[in-house]
Amino acid sequence: MVCQMELTSHLLVSSAFAGYRSNEMKLAEQLIDSAPDHSLTLFDRGFYSLGLLHRWQQSGIQRHWLLPLRKDARYEAAHRLGRQDALVTLKTSPQTRK
């Protein structure tokens, strides 16, 4: 099960269900179309998939996402926001975007 919640009210906006053997990344892909434009989506650390994040961002207008990066992630800091916070640019290959 993967759920999409509106944070100010804590109401569930959308969800995707499947058996316990199903991949949560595939379930999250089902929620891409229900994400609103001009929004910020907070992902858990386990949802680090450049393909998923790229599709999430490209499927609407001003769709942004935020997640804790893995230690082995390859990125460039575009703008430092604080001691441990930064806006980053992730390197993606055409294969990842596919």
N, C-alpha and C. Protein backbone atom coordinates (compact mmCIF):
# COMPACT_ATOMS: atom_id res chain seq x y z
N MET A 1 0.84 -1.17 0.00
CA MET A 1 0.00 0.00 0.00
C MET A 1 0.89 1.24 0.00
N VAL A 2 0.54 2.20 -0.83
CA VAL A 2 1.20 3.50 -0.89
C VAL A 2 0.10 4.54 -0.84
N CYS A 3 0.28 5.55 0.01
CA CYS A 3 -0.74 6.58 0.16
C CYS A 3 -0.17 7.96 -0.12
N GLN A 4 -1.05 8.83 -0.58
CA GLN A 4 -0.71 10.23 -0.81
C GLN A 4 -1.58 11.04 0.15
N MET A 5 -0.93 11.87 0.98
CA MET A 5 -1.63 12.60 2.03
C MET A 5 -1.43 14.10 1.85
N GLU A 6 -2.47 14.87 2.11
CA GLU A 6 -2.37 16.32 2.14
C GLU A 6 -1.92 16.68 3.56
N LEU A 7 -0.77 17.30 3.68
CA LEU A 7 -0.12 17.43 4.99
C LEU A 7 -0.82 18.37 5.96
N THR A 8 -1.46 19.42 5.50
CA THR A 8 -2.06 20.35 6.45
C THR A 8 -3.29 19.76 7.13
N SER A 9 -4.03 18.90 6.42
CA SER A 9 -5.23 18.30 7.01
C SER A 9 -5.03 16.84 7.40
N HIS A 10 -3.96 16.21 6.94
CA HIS A 10 -3.67 14.79 7.14
C HIS A 10 -4.74 13.88 6.52
N LEU A 11 -5.41 14.36 5.51
CA LEU A 11 -6.38 13.54 4.80
C LEU A 11 -5.70 12.80 3.66
N LEU A 12 -6.07 11.53 3.49
CA LEU A 12 -5.53 10.76 2.37
C LEU A 12 -6.21 11.21 1.09
N VAL A 13 -5.40 11.56 0.10
CA VAL A 13 -5.91 12.05 -1.17
C VAL A 13 -6.03 10.91 -2.17
N SER A 14 -5.07 10.00 -2.13
CA SER A 14 -5.05 8.90 -3.09
C SER A 14 -4.27 7.75 -2.48
N SER A 15 -4.51 6.55 -3.00
CA SER A 15 -3.76 5.39 -2.51
C SER A 15 -3.74 4.31 -3.60
N ALA A 16 -2.79 3.41 -3.47
CA ALA A 16 -2.66 2.27 -4.38
C ALA A 16 -2.41 1.03 -3.53
N PHE A 17 -3.14 -0.02 -3.81
CA PHE A 17 -3.05 -1.26 -3.05
C PHE A 17 -2.64 -2.41 -3.96
N ALA A 18 -1.93 -3.36 -3.39
CA ALA A 18 -1.59 -4.60 -4.10
C ALA A 18 -1.19 -5.62 -3.04
N GLY A 19 -0.85 -6.80 -3.47
CA GLY A 19 -0.44 -7.86 -2.56
C GLY A 19 0.88 -7.54 -1.86
N TYR A 20 1.19 -8.28 -0.82
CA TYR A 20 2.38 -7.99 -0.03
C TYR A 20 3.68 -8.22 -0.79
N ARG A 21 3.65 -8.91 -1.89
CA ARG A 21 4.86 -9.14 -2.69
C ARG A 21 5.10 -8.05 -3.73
N SER A 22 4.19 -7.12 -3.85
CA SER A 22 4.32 -6.09 -4.89
C SER A 22 5.35 -5.03 -4.47
N ASN A 23 5.90 -4.39 -5.47
CA ASN A 23 6.93 -3.38 -5.29
C ASN A 23 6.27 -2.02 -5.02
N GLU A 24 6.69 -1.34 -3.96
CA GLU A 24 6.11 -0.03 -3.63
C GLU A 24 6.42 1.02 -4.69
N MET A 25 7.53 0.87 -5.41
CA MET A 25 7.86 1.81 -6.49
C MET A 25 6.80 1.74 -7.59
N LYS A 26 6.37 0.53 -7.92
CA LYS A 26 5.33 0.37 -8.95
C LYS A 26 4.01 0.95 -8.47
N LEU A 27 3.72 0.79 -7.19
CA LEU A 27 2.49 1.37 -6.64
C LEU A 27 2.56 2.90 -6.65
N ALA A 28 3.73 3.45 -6.34
CA ALA A 28 3.88 4.91 -6.36
C ALA A 28 3.69 5.46 -7.76
N GLU A 29 4.08 4.71 -8.79
CA GLU A 29 3.87 5.15 -10.18
C GLU A 29 2.39 5.33 -10.48
N GLN A 30 1.54 4.55 -9.83
CA GLN A 30 0.10 4.67 -10.05
C GLN A 30 -0.45 5.99 -9.52
N LEU A 31 0.27 6.64 -8.61
CA LEU A 31 -0.20 7.89 -8.01
C LEU A 31 0.28 9.13 -8.76
N ILE A 32 1.09 8.95 -9.78
CA ILE A 32 1.65 10.10 -10.50
C ILE A 32 0.55 10.99 -11.07
N ASP A 33 -0.44 10.41 -11.69
CA ASP A 33 -1.49 11.21 -12.33
C ASP A 33 -2.37 11.94 -11.32
N SER A 34 -2.44 11.45 -10.09
CA SER A 34 -3.29 12.10 -9.09
C SER A 34 -2.56 13.20 -8.32
N ALA A 35 -1.27 13.34 -8.52
CA ALA A 35 -0.52 14.41 -7.84
C ALA A 35 -0.90 15.75 -8.46
N PRO A 36 -1.19 16.74 -7.63
CA PRO A 36 -1.60 18.04 -8.18
C PRO A 36 -0.42 18.82 -8.76
N ASP A 37 -0.72 19.69 -9.70
CA ASP A 37 0.28 20.61 -10.22
C ASP A 37 0.60 21.64 -9.13
N HIS A 38 1.75 22.29 -9.26
CA HIS A 38 2.20 23.30 -8.29
C HIS A 38 2.23 22.72 -6.88
N SER A 39 2.88 21.56 -6.75
CA SER A 39 2.90 20.88 -5.46
C SER A 39 4.31 20.40 -5.11
N LEU A 40 4.49 20.06 -3.85
CA LEU A 40 5.71 19.46 -3.34
C LEU A 40 5.33 18.13 -2.72
N THR A 41 5.94 17.05 -3.17
CA THR A 41 5.68 15.72 -2.64
C THR A 41 6.87 15.30 -1.80
N LEU A 42 6.61 14.84 -0.58
CA LEU A 42 7.65 14.35 0.31
C LEU A 42 7.70 12.84 0.20
N PHE A 43 8.85 12.30 -0.15
CA PHE A 43 9.03 10.86 -0.28
C PHE A 43 9.87 10.34 0.87
N ASP A 44 9.63 9.11 1.25
CA ASP A 44 10.45 8.41 2.22
C ASP A 44 11.75 7.99 1.55
N ARG A 45 12.77 7.73 2.32
CA ARG A 45 14.08 7.36 1.80
C ARG A 45 14.02 6.14 0.88
N GLY A 46 13.10 5.24 1.12
CA GLY A 46 13.00 4.02 0.32
C GLY A 46 12.51 4.24 -1.10
N PHE A 47 12.06 5.44 -1.44
CA PHE A 47 11.53 5.71 -2.77
C PHE A 47 12.56 6.37 -3.68
N TYR A 48 13.84 6.18 -3.39
CA TYR A 48 14.89 6.74 -4.22
C TYR A 48 14.99 5.91 -5.50
N SER A 49 14.33 6.39 -6.53
CA SER A 49 14.38 5.79 -7.86
C SER A 49 14.36 6.95 -8.84
N LEU A 50 15.47 7.15 -9.54
CA LEU A 50 15.55 8.29 -10.44
C LEU A 50 14.49 8.24 -11.53
N GLY A 51 14.14 7.06 -11.97
CA GLY A 51 13.09 6.94 -12.98
C GLY A 51 11.75 7.42 -12.44
N LEU A 52 11.40 6.99 -11.24
CA LEU A 52 10.14 7.41 -10.61
C LEU A 52 10.14 8.92 -10.37
N LEU A 53 11.21 9.44 -9.82
CA LEU A 53 11.27 10.87 -9.50
C LEU A 53 11.24 11.72 -10.76
N HIS A 54 11.89 11.26 -11.82
CA HIS A 54 11.87 11.99 -13.09
C HIS A 54 10.45 12.03 -13.66
N ARG A 55 9.77 10.88 -13.68
CA ARG A 55 8.40 10.84 -14.19
C ARG A 55 7.47 11.69 -13.33
N TRP A 56 7.68 11.68 -12.01
CA TRP A 56 6.84 12.47 -11.10
C TRP A 56 6.96 13.96 -11.44
N GLN A 57 8.17 14.40 -11.66
CA GLN A 57 8.41 15.82 -11.94
C GLN A 57 7.92 16.21 -13.32
N GLN A 58 8.09 15.36 -14.31
CA GLN A 58 7.78 15.70 -15.70
C GLN A 58 6.31 15.54 -16.06
N SER A 59 5.52 14.92 -15.20
CA SER A 59 4.13 14.60 -15.58
C SER A 59 3.15 15.74 -15.31
N GLY A 60 3.61 16.86 -14.82
CA GLY A 60 2.71 17.97 -14.54
C GLY A 60 3.45 19.30 -14.57
N ILE A 61 2.79 20.32 -14.08
CA ILE A 61 3.35 21.67 -14.05
C ILE A 61 3.83 21.97 -12.63
N GLN A 62 5.11 22.33 -12.50
CA GLN A 62 5.68 22.69 -11.20
C GLN A 62 5.45 21.61 -10.13
N ARG A 63 5.73 20.38 -10.49
CA ARG A 63 5.67 19.28 -9.50
C ARG A 63 7.08 19.06 -8.98
N HIS A 64 7.25 19.28 -7.71
CA HIS A 64 8.54 19.13 -7.07
C HIS A 64 8.46 17.98 -6.07
N TRP A 65 9.62 17.47 -5.70
CA TRP A 65 9.68 16.40 -4.72
C TRP A 65 10.86 16.63 -3.79
N LEU A 66 10.78 16.02 -2.63
CA LEU A 66 11.82 16.15 -1.61
C LEU A 66 11.99 14.79 -0.95
N LEU A 67 13.25 14.36 -0.80
CA LEU A 67 13.52 13.11 -0.10
C LEU A 67 14.94 13.14 0.45
N PRO A 68 15.18 12.38 1.51
CA PRO A 68 16.56 12.27 2.00
C PRO A 68 17.39 11.48 1.00
N LEU A 69 18.54 12.00 0.62
CA LEU A 69 19.39 11.32 -0.35
C LEU A 69 20.16 10.18 0.28
N ARG A 70 20.40 9.17 -0.52
CA ARG A 70 21.27 8.08 -0.07
C ARG A 70 22.70 8.58 -0.03
N LYS A 71 23.52 7.92 0.74
CA LYS A 71 24.92 8.33 0.86
C LYS A 71 25.69 8.16 -0.44
N ASP A 72 25.28 7.20 -1.28
CA ASP A 72 26.01 6.94 -2.52
C ASP A 72 25.42 7.69 -3.72
N ALA A 73 24.51 8.62 -3.48
CA ALA A 73 23.89 9.37 -4.58
C ALA A 73 24.90 10.32 -5.22
N ARG A 74 24.84 10.42 -6.54
CA ARG A 74 25.72 11.33 -7.28
C ARG A 74 24.93 12.58 -7.63
N TYR A 75 25.40 13.73 -7.14
CA TYR A 75 24.67 14.97 -7.34
C TYR A 75 25.62 16.16 -7.31
N GLU A 76 25.12 17.30 -7.77
CA GLU A 76 25.82 18.57 -7.65
C GLU A 76 24.95 19.50 -6.84
N ALA A 77 25.52 20.16 -5.85
CA ALA A 77 24.76 21.12 -5.05
C ALA A 77 24.59 22.40 -5.87
N ALA A 78 23.35 22.73 -6.23
CA ALA A 78 23.07 23.93 -7.00
C ALA A 78 23.01 25.16 -6.11
N HIS A 79 22.48 24.98 -4.89
CA HIS A 79 22.34 26.10 -3.97
C HIS A 79 22.28 25.55 -2.54
N ARG A 80 23.15 26.01 -1.68
CA ARG A 80 23.15 25.59 -0.27
C ARG A 80 22.07 26.36 0.49
N LEU A 81 21.29 25.63 1.27
CA LEU A 81 20.23 26.24 2.07
C LEU A 81 20.58 26.28 3.55
N GLY A 82 21.41 25.38 3.97
CA GLY A 82 21.79 25.28 5.37
C GLY A 82 22.95 24.33 5.50
N ARG A 83 23.26 23.97 6.73
CA ARG A 83 24.41 23.11 6.98
C ARG A 83 24.28 21.76 6.28
N GLN A 84 23.11 21.16 6.32
CA GLN A 84 22.92 19.85 5.69
C GLN A 84 21.82 19.86 4.63
N ASP A 85 21.39 21.04 4.19
CA ASP A 85 20.32 21.14 3.21
C ASP A 85 20.81 21.87 1.97
N ALA A 86 20.39 21.38 0.82
CA ALA A 86 20.78 22.01 -0.45
C ALA A 86 19.79 21.64 -1.53
N LEU A 87 19.66 22.52 -2.49
CA LEU A 87 18.97 22.17 -3.74
C LEU A 87 20.03 21.52 -4.61
N VAL A 88 19.71 20.34 -5.13
CA VAL A 88 20.72 19.59 -5.87
C VAL A 88 20.24 19.27 -7.28
N THR A 89 21.19 19.00 -8.14
CA THR A 89 20.93 18.51 -9.48
C THR A 89 21.43 17.07 -9.54
N LEU A 90 20.53 16.15 -9.84
CA LEU A 90 20.90 14.74 -9.94
C LEU A 90 21.27 14.41 -11.37
N LYS A 91 22.28 13.61 -11.53
CA LYS A 91 22.70 13.14 -12.85
C LYS A 91 21.87 11.92 -13.21
N THR A 92 21.18 11.99 -14.34
CA THR A 92 20.40 10.84 -14.81
C THR A 92 20.85 10.47 -16.21
N SER A 93 20.83 9.20 -16.47
CA SER A 93 21.17 8.69 -17.80
C SER A 93 19.88 8.52 -18.60
N PRO A 94 19.97 8.44 -19.91
CA PRO A 94 18.76 8.16 -20.71
C PRO A 94 18.09 6.84 -20.31
N GLN A 95 18.89 5.86 -19.91
CA GLN A 95 18.34 4.58 -19.47
C GLN A 95 17.51 4.76 -18.20
N THR A 96 17.96 5.58 -17.28
CA THR A 96 17.23 5.84 -16.05
C THR A 96 15.92 6.54 -16.34
N ARG A 97 15.94 7.53 -17.23
CA ARG A 97 14.72 8.27 -17.56
C ARG A 97 13.71 7.39 -18.28
N LYS A 98 14.19 6.37 -18.98
CA LYS A 98 13.30 5.45 -19.69
C LYS A 98 12.51 4.63 -18.70
